[in-house]
Amino acid sequence: MQLTELVSAIKKAKKLEMKTIVCANSIEEARSIALLKPDILLCEPTELIGTGKTSDEDYILKNQSSD
């Protein structure tokens, strides 16, 4: 999904009083998406989404400490 589509989707969901959950592939992408104020923001590599696998510890620590 392109960022412009995501902006529209989040706005529409908020208008309909729906909660939003958005996945980001990287810290940089998460920072951009955070500006849109989704209700929940998950940072996970695309290749792991829906697999039941977890990211390595280094990836998790980098995302937790991101400001």
PDB file of N, CA and C in Angstrom:
ATOM      1  N   MET A   1       0.851  -1.167   0.000  1.00  0.00           N
ATOM      2  CA  MET A   1       0.000   0.000   0.000  1.00  0.00           C
ATOM      3  C   MET A   1       0.899   1.233   0.000  1.00  0.00           C
ATOM      4  N   GLN A   2       0.583   2.174  -0.830  1.00  0.00           N
ATOM      5  CA  GLN A   2       1.328   3.434  -0.886  1.00  0.00           C
ATOM      6  C   GLN A   2       0.928   4.322   0.297  1.00  0.00           C
ATOM      7  N   LEU A   3       1.811   5.227   0.683  1.00  0.00           N
ATOM      8  CA  LEU A   3       1.556   6.093   1.827  1.00  0.00           C
ATOM      9  C   LEU A   3       0.284   6.918   1.643  1.00  0.00           C
ATOM     10  N   THR A   4       0.030   7.398   0.446  1.00  0.00           N
ATOM     11  CA  THR A   4      -1.191   8.188   0.205  1.00  0.00           C
ATOM     12  C   THR A   4      -2.444   7.347   0.432  1.00  0.00           C
ATOM     13  N   GLU A   5      -2.385   6.075   0.057  1.00  0.00           N
ATOM     14  CA  GLU A   5      -3.522   5.170   0.286  1.00  0.00           C
ATOM     15  C   GLU A   5      -3.703   4.912   1.780  1.00  0.00           C
ATOM     16  N   LEU A   6      -2.589   4.795   2.484  1.00  0.00           N
ATOM     17  CA  LEU A   6      -2.641   4.565   3.923  1.00  0.00           C
ATOM     18  C   LEU A   6      -3.246   5.766   4.641  1.00  0.00           C
ATOM     19  N   VAL A   7      -2.866   6.958   4.226  1.00  0.00           N
ATOM     20  CA  VAL A   7      -3.436   8.183   4.802  1.00  0.00           C
ATOM     21  C   VAL A   7      -4.951   8.170   4.643  1.00  0.00           C
ATOM     22  N   SER A   8      -5.426   7.871   3.456  1.00  0.00           N
ATOM     23  CA  SER A   8      -6.869   7.834   3.190  1.00  0.00           C
ATOM     24  C   SER A   8      -7.561   6.764   4.018  1.00  0.00           C
ATOM     25  N   ALA A   9      -6.946   5.587   4.103  1.00  0.00           N
ATOM     26  CA  ALA A   9      -7.546   4.478   4.849  1.00  0.00           C
ATOM     27  C   ALA A   9      -7.663   4.803   6.337  1.00  0.00           C
ATOM     28  N   ILE A  10      -6.625   5.405   6.903  1.00  0.00           N
ATOM     29  CA  ILE A  10      -6.664   5.757   8.323  1.00  0.00           C
ATOM     30  C   ILE A  10      -7.707   6.837   8.575  1.00  0.00           C
ATOM     31  N   LYS A  11      -7.767   7.844   7.710  1.00  0.00           N
ATOM     32  CA  LYS A  11      -8.777   8.902   7.862  1.00  0.00           C
ATOM     33  C   LYS A  11     -10.187   8.330   7.803  1.00  0.00           C
ATOM     34  N   LYS A  12     -10.427   7.443   6.844  1.00  0.00           N
ATOM     35  CA  LYS A  12     -11.756   6.848   6.697  1.00  0.00           C
ATOM     36  C   LYS A  12     -12.102   5.994   7.912  1.00  0.00           C
ATOM     37  N   ALA A  13     -11.147   5.208   8.391  1.00  0.00           N
ATOM     38  CA  ALA A  13     -11.388   4.368   9.566  1.00  0.00           C
ATOM     39  C   ALA A  13     -11.728   5.225  10.783  1.00  0.00           C
ATOM     40  N   LYS A  14     -10.992   6.306  10.978  1.00  0.00           N
ATOM     41  CA  LYS A  14     -11.264   7.190  12.114  1.00  0.00           C
ATOM     42  C   LYS A  14     -12.651   7.824  11.986  1.00  0.00           C
ATOM     43  N   LYS A  15     -13.015   8.205  10.765  1.00  0.00           N
ATOM     44  CA  LYS A  15     -14.338   8.793  10.530  1.00  0.00           C
ATOM     45  C   LYS A  15     -15.443   7.795  10.874  1.00  0.00           C
ATOM     46  N   LEU A  16     -15.181   6.515  10.613  1.00  0.00           N
ATOM     47  CA  LEU A  16     -16.148   5.456  10.904  1.00  0.00           C
ATOM     48  C   LEU A  16     -15.998   4.908  12.326  1.00  0.00           C
ATOM     49  N   GLU A  17     -15.139   5.557  13.120  1.00  0.00           N
ATOM     50  CA  GLU A  17     -14.863   5.165  14.501  1.00  0.00           C
ATOM     51  C   GLU A  17     -14.330   3.738  14.607  1.00  0.00           C
ATOM     52  N   MET A  18     -13.509   3.354  13.639  1.00  0.00           N
ATOM     53  CA  MET A  18     -12.863   2.043  13.643  1.00  0.00           C
ATOM     54  C   MET A  18     -11.434   2.201  14.156  1.00  0.00           C
ATOM     55  N   LYS A  19     -10.932   1.183  14.822  1.00  0.00           N
ATOM     56  CA  LYS A  19      -9.542   1.167  15.276  1.00  0.00           C
ATOM     57  C   LYS A  19      -8.643   0.818  14.100  1.00  0.00           C
ATOM     58  N   THR A  20      -7.433   1.362  14.099  1.00  0.00           N
ATOM     59  CA  THR A  20      -6.486   1.084  13.021  1.00  0.00           C
ATOM     60  C   THR A  20      -5.259   0.360  13.558  1.00  0.00           C
ATOM     61  N   ILE A  21      -4.835  -0.662  12.829  1.00  0.00           N
ATOM     62  CA  ILE A  21      -3.606  -1.396  13.118  1.00  0.00           C
ATOM     63  C   ILE A  21      -2.790  -1.352  11.841  1.00  0.00           C
ATOM     64  N   VAL A  22      -1.588  -0.790  11.921  1.00  0.00           N
ATOM     65  CA  VAL A  22      -0.755  -0.621  10.737  1.00  0.00           C
ATOM     66  C   VAL A  22       0.597  -1.286  10.977  1.00  0.00           C
ATOM     67  N   CYS A  23       1.064  -2.016   9.985  1.00  0.00           N
ATOM     68  CA  CYS A  23       2.376  -2.672  10.054  1.00  0.00           C
ATOM     69  C   CYS A  23       3.403  -1.854   9.284  1.00  0.00           C
ATOM     70  N   ALA A  24       4.593  -1.758   9.853  1.00  0.00           N
ATOM     71  CA  ALA A  24       5.713  -1.082   9.192  1.00  0.00           C
ATOM     72  C   ALA A  24       6.844  -2.082   9.023  1.00  0.00           C
ATOM     73  N   ASN A  25       7.581  -1.941   7.948  1.00  0.00           N
ATOM     74  CA  ASN A  25       8.662  -2.866   7.635  1.00  0.00           C
ATOM     75  C   ASN A  25      10.004  -2.446   8.233  1.00  0.00           C
ATOM     76  N   SER A  26      10.135  -1.172   8.585  1.00  0.00           N
ATOM     77  CA  SER A  26      11.420  -0.671   9.083  1.00  0.00           C
ATOM     78  C   SER A  26      11.179   0.454  10.081  1.00  0.00           C
ATOM     79  N   ILE A  27      12.238   0.828  10.773  1.00  0.00           N
ATOM     80  CA  ILE A  27      12.140   1.929  11.731  1.00  0.00           C
ATOM     81  C   ILE A  27      11.763   3.220  11.011  1.00  0.00           C
ATOM     82  N   GLU A  28      12.373   3.457   9.860  1.00  0.00           N
ATOM     83  CA  GLU A  28      12.085   4.675   9.094  1.00  0.00           C
ATOM     84  C   GLU A  28      10.615   4.716   8.673  1.00  0.00           C
ATOM     85  N   GLU A  29      10.120   3.591   8.191  1.00  0.00           N
ATOM     86  CA  GLU A  29       8.718   3.522   7.781  1.00  0.00           C
ATOM     87  C   GLU A  29       7.806   3.710   8.993  1.00  0.00           C
ATOM     88  N   ALA A  30       8.161   3.120  10.123  1.00  0.00           N
ATOM     89  CA  ALA A  30       7.361   3.260  11.340  1.00  0.00           C
ATOM     90  C   ALA A  30       7.287   4.714  11.790  1.00  0.00           C
ATOM     91  N   ARG A  31       8.395   5.428  11.681  1.00  0.00           N
ATOM     92  CA  ARG A  31       8.394   6.852  12.055  1.00  0.00           C
ATOM     93  C   ARG A  31       7.432   7.650  11.180  1.00  0.00           C
ATOM     94  N   SER A  32       7.423   7.364   9.892  1.00  0.00           N
ATOM     95  CA  SER A  32       6.510   8.061   8.973  1.00  0.00           C
ATOM     96  C   SER A  32       5.061   7.723   9.292  1.00  0.00           C
ATOM     97  N   ILE A  33       4.803   6.447   9.507  1.00  0.00           N
ATOM     98  CA  ILE A  33       3.437   6.000   9.792  1.00  0.00           C
ATOM     99  C   ILE A  33       2.960   6.536  11.136  1.00  0.00           C
ATOM    100  N   ALA A  34       3.851   6.643  12.109  1.00  0.00           N
ATOM    101  CA  ALA A  34       3.476   7.145  13.436  1.00  0.00           C
ATOM    102  C   ALA A  34       2.877   8.544  13.361  1.00  0.00           C
ATOM    103  N   LEU A  35       3.314   9.335  12.391  1.00  0.00           N
ATOM    104  CA  LEU A  35       2.764  10.684  12.215  1.00  0.00           C
ATOM    105  C   LEU A  35       1.287  10.658  11.846  1.00  0.00           C
ATOM    106  N   LEU A  36       0.818   9.523  11.311  1.00  0.00           N
ATOM    107  CA  LEU A  36      -0.594   9.376  10.937  1.00  0.00           C
ATOM    108  C   LEU A  36      -1.457   8.980  12.133  1.00  0.00           C
ATOM    109  N   LYS A  37      -0.817   8.666  13.250  1.00  0.00           N
ATOM    110  CA  LYS A  37      -1.472   8.324  14.514  1.00  0.00           C
ATOM    111  C   LYS A  37      -2.433   7.139  14.414  1.00  0.00           C
ATOM    112  N   PRO A  38      -1.954   5.998  13.907  1.00  0.00           N
ATOM    113  CA  PRO A  38      -2.809   4.811  13.951  1.00  0.00           C
ATOM    114  C   PRO A  38      -2.981   4.390  15.412  1.00  0.00           C
ATOM    115  N   ASP A  39      -4.011   3.616  15.699  1.00  0.00           N
ATOM    116  CA  ASP A  39      -4.224   3.166  17.075  1.00  0.00           C
ATOM    117  C   ASP A  39      -3.120   2.207  17.516  1.00  0.00           C
ATOM    118  N   ILE A  40      -2.698   1.345  16.614  1.00  0.00           N
ATOM    119  CA  ILE A  40      -1.624   0.389  16.896  1.00  0.00           C
ATOM    120  C   ILE A  40      -0.661   0.393  15.723  1.00  0.00           C
ATOM    121  N   LEU A  41       0.620   0.434  16.027  1.00  0.00           N
ATOM    122  CA  LEU A  41       1.658   0.400  14.997  1.00  0.00           C
ATOM    123  C   LEU A  41       2.596  -0.759  15.303  1.00  0.00           C
ATOM    124  N   LEU A  42       2.680  -1.705  14.386  1.00  0.00           N
ATOM    125  CA  LEU A  42       3.558  -2.864  14.533  1.00  0.00           C
ATOM    126  C   LEU A  42       4.726  -2.721  13.581  1.00  0.00           C
ATOM    127  N   CYS A  43       5.911  -2.930  14.086  1.00  0.00           N
ATOM    128  CA  CYS A  43       7.091  -2.888  13.228  1.00  0.00           C
ATOM    129  C   CYS A  43       7.610  -4.314  13.092  1.00  0.00           C
ATOM    130  N   GLU A  44       7.463  -4.864  11.894  1.00  0.00           N
ATOM    131  CA  GLU A  44       7.852  -6.249  11.637  1.00  0.00           C
ATOM    132  C   GLU A  44       8.255  -6.388  10.175  1.00  0.00           C
ATOM    133  N   PRO A  45       9.339  -7.104   9.904  1.00  0.00           N
ATOM    134  CA  PRO A  45       9.724  -7.308   8.510  1.00  0.00           C
ATOM    135  C   PRO A  45       8.590  -7.979   7.725  1.00  0.00           C
ATOM    136  N   THR A  46       8.337  -7.501   6.532  1.00  0.00           N
ATOM    137  CA  THR A  46       7.244  -8.005   5.703  1.00  0.00           C
ATOM    138  C   THR A  46       7.271  -9.516   5.565  1.00  0.00           C
ATOM    139  N   GLU A  47       8.462 -10.072   5.399  1.00  0.00           N
ATOM    140  CA  GLU A  47       8.560 -11.512   5.172  1.00  0.00           C
ATOM    141  C   GLU A  47       8.149 -12.348   6.382  1.00  0.00           C
ATOM    142  N   LEU A  48       8.008 -11.738   7.559  1.00  0.00           N
ATOM    143  CA  LEU A  48       7.612 -12.482   8.753  1.00  0.00           C
ATOM    144  C   LEU A  48       6.132 -12.342   9.095  1.00  0.00           C
ATOM    145  N   ILE A  49       5.447 -11.380   8.504  1.00  0.00           N
ATOM    146  CA  ILE A  49       4.043 -11.143   8.842  1.00  0.00           C
ATOM    147  C   ILE A  49       3.215 -12.382   8.520  1.00  0.00           C
ATOM    148  N   GLY A  50       2.486 -12.850   9.522  1.00  0.00           N
ATOM    149  CA  GLY A  50       1.595 -13.994   9.341  1.00  0.00           C
ATOM    150  C   GLY A  50       2.274 -15.356   9.364  1.00  0.00           C
ATOM    151  N   THR A  51       3.575 -15.405   9.643  1.00  0.00           N
ATOM    152  CA  THR A  51       4.277 -16.692   9.622  1.00  0.00           C
ATOM    153  C   THR A  51       4.358 -17.351  10.989  1.00  0.00           C
ATOM    154  N   GLY A  52       4.123 -16.589  12.051  1.00  0.00           N
ATOM    155  CA  GLY A  52       4.287 -17.121  13.393  1.00  0.00           C
ATOM    156  C   GLY A  52       5.732 -17.065  13.862  1.00  0.00           C
ATOM    157  N   LYS A  53       6.622 -16.592  12.990  1.00  0.00           N
ATOM    158  CA  LYS A  53       8.037 -16.461  13.344  1.00  0.00           C
ATOM    159  C   LYS A  53       8.273 -15.076  13.931  1.00  0.00           C
ATOM    160  N   THR A  54       9.326 -14.953  14.722  1.00  0.00           N
ATOM    161  CA  THR A  54       9.648 -13.660  15.317  1.00  0.00           C
ATOM    162  C   THR A  54      10.934 -13.097  14.723  1.00  0.00           C
ATOM    163  N   SER A  55      11.077 -11.803  14.855  1.00  0.00           N
ATOM    164  CA  SER A  55      12.298 -11.129  14.401  1.00  0.00           C
ATOM    165  C   SER A  55      13.441 -11.494  15.334  1.00  0.00           C
ATOM    166  N   ASP A  56      14.660 -11.326  14.850  1.00  0.00           N
ATOM    167  CA  ASP A  56      15.798 -11.594  15.723  1.00  0.00           C
ATOM    168  C   ASP A  56      15.884 -10.510  16.793  1.00  0.00           C
ATOM    169  N   GLU A  57      16.599 -10.794  17.859  1.00  0.00           N
ATOM    170  CA  GLU A  57      16.663  -9.900  19.013  1.00  0.00           C
ATOM    171  C   GLU A  57      17.195  -8.516  18.653  1.00  0.00           C
ATOM    172  N   ASP A  58      18.163  -8.437  17.761  1.00  0.00           N
ATOM    173  CA  ASP A  58      18.739  -7.155  17.354  1.00  0.00           C
ATOM    174  C   ASP A  58      17.677  -6.248  16.733  1.00  0.00           C
ATOM    175  N   TYR A  59      16.851  -6.795  15.851  1.00  0.00           N
ATOM    176  CA  TYR A  59      15.781  -6.025  15.201  1.00  0.00           C
ATOM    177  C   TYR A  59      14.793  -5.509  16.250  1.00  0.00           C
ATOM    178  N   ILE A  60      14.431  -6.361  17.188  1.00  0.00           N
ATOM    179  CA  ILE A  60      13.473  -5.982  18.228  1.00  0.00           C
ATOM    180  C   ILE A  60      14.040  -4.858  19.089  1.00  0.00           C
ATOM    181  N   LEU A  61      15.283  -4.992  19.515  1.00  0.00           N
ATOM    182  CA  LEU A  61      15.899  -3.964  20.360  1.00  0.00           C
ATOM    183  C   LEU A  61      16.020  -2.628  19.636  1.00  0.00           C
ATOM    184  N   LYS A  62      16.367  -2.650  18.354  1.00  0.00           N
ATOM    185  CA  LYS A  62      16.462  -1.407  17.578  1.00  0.00           C
ATOM    186  C   LYS A  62      15.110  -0.705  17.506  1.00  0.00           C
ATOM    187  N   ASN A  63      14.031  -1.471  17.350  1.00  0.00           N
ATOM    188  CA  ASN A  63      12.702  -0.883  17.237  1.00  0.00           C
ATOM    189  C   ASN A  63      12.177  -0.385  18.568  1.00  0.00           C
ATOM    190  N   GLN A  64      12.493  -1.067  19.633  1.00  0.00           N
ATOM    191  CA  GLN A  64      12.038  -0.631  20.953  1.00  0.00           C
ATOM    192  C   GLN A  64      12.718   0.653  21.385  1.00  0.00           C
ATOM    193  N   SER A  65      13.962   0.838  20.987  1.00  0.00           N
ATOM    194  CA  SER A  65      14.707   2.016  21.430  1.00  0.00           C
ATOM    195  C   SER A  65      14.600   3.184  20.466  1.00  0.00           C
ATOM    196  N   SER A  66      13.858   3.018  19.385  1.00  0.00           N
ATOM    197  CA  SER A  66      13.734   4.079  18.390  1.00  0.00           C
ATOM    198  C   SER A  66      12.941   5.248  18.947  1.00  0.00           C
ATOM    199  N   ASP A  67      13.454   6.461  18.761  1.00  0.00           N
ATOM    200  CA  ASP A  67      12.763   7.669  19.241  1.00  0.00           C
ATOM    201  C   ASP A  67      12.132   8.406  18.103  1.00  0.00           C
TER     202      ASP A  67
END
